[in-house]
Amino acid sequence: MSDANSDIAALPFEKAIQELEEIVGKLEKASVSLDDSVKLYERGEALKKRCDALLREAEARIEKITLGADGAPKGTAPLDVE
């Protein structure tokens, strides 16, 4: 990650995804120069990686409720992460 993108590592998911959506909008409109488009694309890639990492962390923390033979909750188990 370049120095220009060093702040991304500290962004919460909501901020990172919001900025990523803004970047996609700018790139779709083609309202920026080629040089700026490349910089936006690079930042977008870094934001995507941050969002992916945060989602993987969240998935690892999710637990599923296990049910006993009578259908009543008996505890939790880690979510089957593939």
Protein backbone atom coordinates (compact mmCIF):
# COMPACT_ATOMS: atom_id res chain seq x y z
CA MET A 1 0.00 0.00 0.00
CA SER A 2 1.37 3.38 -0.93
CA ASP A 3 1.84 6.24 1.52
CA ALA A 4 -1.17 8.00 0.00
CA ASN A 5 -3.30 5.05 1.08
CA SER A 6 -1.76 4.45 4.51
CA ASP A 7 -4.88 5.79 6.26
CA ILE A 8 -6.99 2.94 4.89
CA ALA A 9 -5.70 0.43 7.46
CA ALA A 10 -7.47 2.37 10.21
CA LEU A 11 -10.80 2.88 8.44
CA PRO A 12 -13.87 1.11 9.82
CA PHE A 13 -15.86 -0.95 7.32
CA GLU A 14 -18.64 1.61 6.89
CA LYS A 15 -16.25 4.43 6.00
CA ALA A 16 -14.19 2.24 3.67
CA ILE A 17 -17.23 0.98 1.75
CA GLN A 18 -18.68 4.49 1.51
CA GLU A 19 -15.47 5.86 0.03
CA LEU A 20 -15.20 2.88 -2.31
CA GLU A 21 -18.73 3.58 -3.58
CA GLU A 22 -17.81 7.24 -4.17
CA ILE A 23 -14.71 6.20 -6.13
CA VAL A 24 -16.72 3.80 -8.29
CA GLY A 25 -19.19 6.61 -9.01
CA LYS A 26 -16.42 8.97 -10.10
CA LEU A 27 -14.80 6.34 -12.31
CA GLU A 28 -18.13 5.40 -13.90
CA LYS A 29 -18.81 9.05 -14.79
CA ALA A 30 -15.32 9.39 -16.29
CA SER A 31 -15.26 12.91 -14.89
CA VAL A 32 -11.61 12.79 -13.84
CA SER A 33 -8.33 12.82 -15.75
CA LEU A 34 -6.53 9.63 -16.65
CA ASP A 35 -3.88 10.24 -13.99
CA ASP A 36 -6.53 10.85 -11.34
CA SER A 37 -8.44 7.77 -12.54
CA VAL A 38 -5.37 5.61 -11.97
CA LYS A 39 -4.90 7.06 -8.48
CA LEU A 40 -8.58 6.54 -7.67
CA TYR A 41 -8.41 2.97 -8.97
CA GLU A 42 -5.38 2.21 -6.79
CA ARG A 43 -7.13 3.66 -3.73
CA GLY A 44 -10.25 1.71 -4.62
CA GLU A 45 -8.25 -1.52 -4.73
CA ALA A 46 -6.78 -0.77 -1.30
CA LEU A 47 -10.25 0.01 0.07
CA LYS A 48 -11.62 -3.23 -1.38
CA LYS A 49 -8.87 -5.22 0.30
CA ARG A 50 -9.63 -3.47 3.62
CA CYS A 51 -13.33 -4.27 3.32
CA ASP A 52 -12.59 -7.90 2.43
CA ALA A 53 -10.30 -8.26 5.45
CA LEU A 54 -12.87 -6.72 7.80
CA LEU A 55 -15.59 -9.02 6.45
CA ARG A 56 -13.39 -12.09 6.95
CA GLU A 57 -12.73 -10.99 10.54
CA ALA A 58 -16.45 -10.52 11.17
CA GLU A 59 -17.27 -13.93 9.69
CA ALA A 60 -14.70 -15.55 11.95
CA ARG A 61 -16.41 -14.02 15.01
CA ILE A 62 -19.94 -15.05 14.07
CA GLU A 63 -21.29 -18.01 15.93
CA LYS A 64 -24.29 -20.15 15.14
CA ILE A 65 -26.80 -21.24 17.75
CA THR A 66 -26.89 -24.99 18.25
CA LEU A 67 -30.15 -26.70 19.10
CA GLY A 68 -30.73 -29.74 21.27
CA ALA A 69 -32.89 -32.73 20.28
CA ASP A 70 -35.92 -30.93 21.71
CA GLY A 71 -35.31 -27.92 19.46
CA ALA A 72 -34.29 -25.66 22.33
CA PRO A 73 -31.04 -23.66 22.10
CA LYS A 74 -28.23 -25.47 23.88
CA GLY A 75 -25.24 -23.25 23.09
CA THR A 76 -23.17 -21.81 20.29
CA ALA A 77 -20.54 -23.11 17.91
CA PRO A 78 -18.21 -21.34 15.50
CA LEU A 79 -19.70 -20.59 12.10
CA ASP A 80 -18.44 -22.95 9.42
CA VAL A 81 -16.08 -20.65 7.55
CA GLU A 82 -15.02 -21.99 4.18
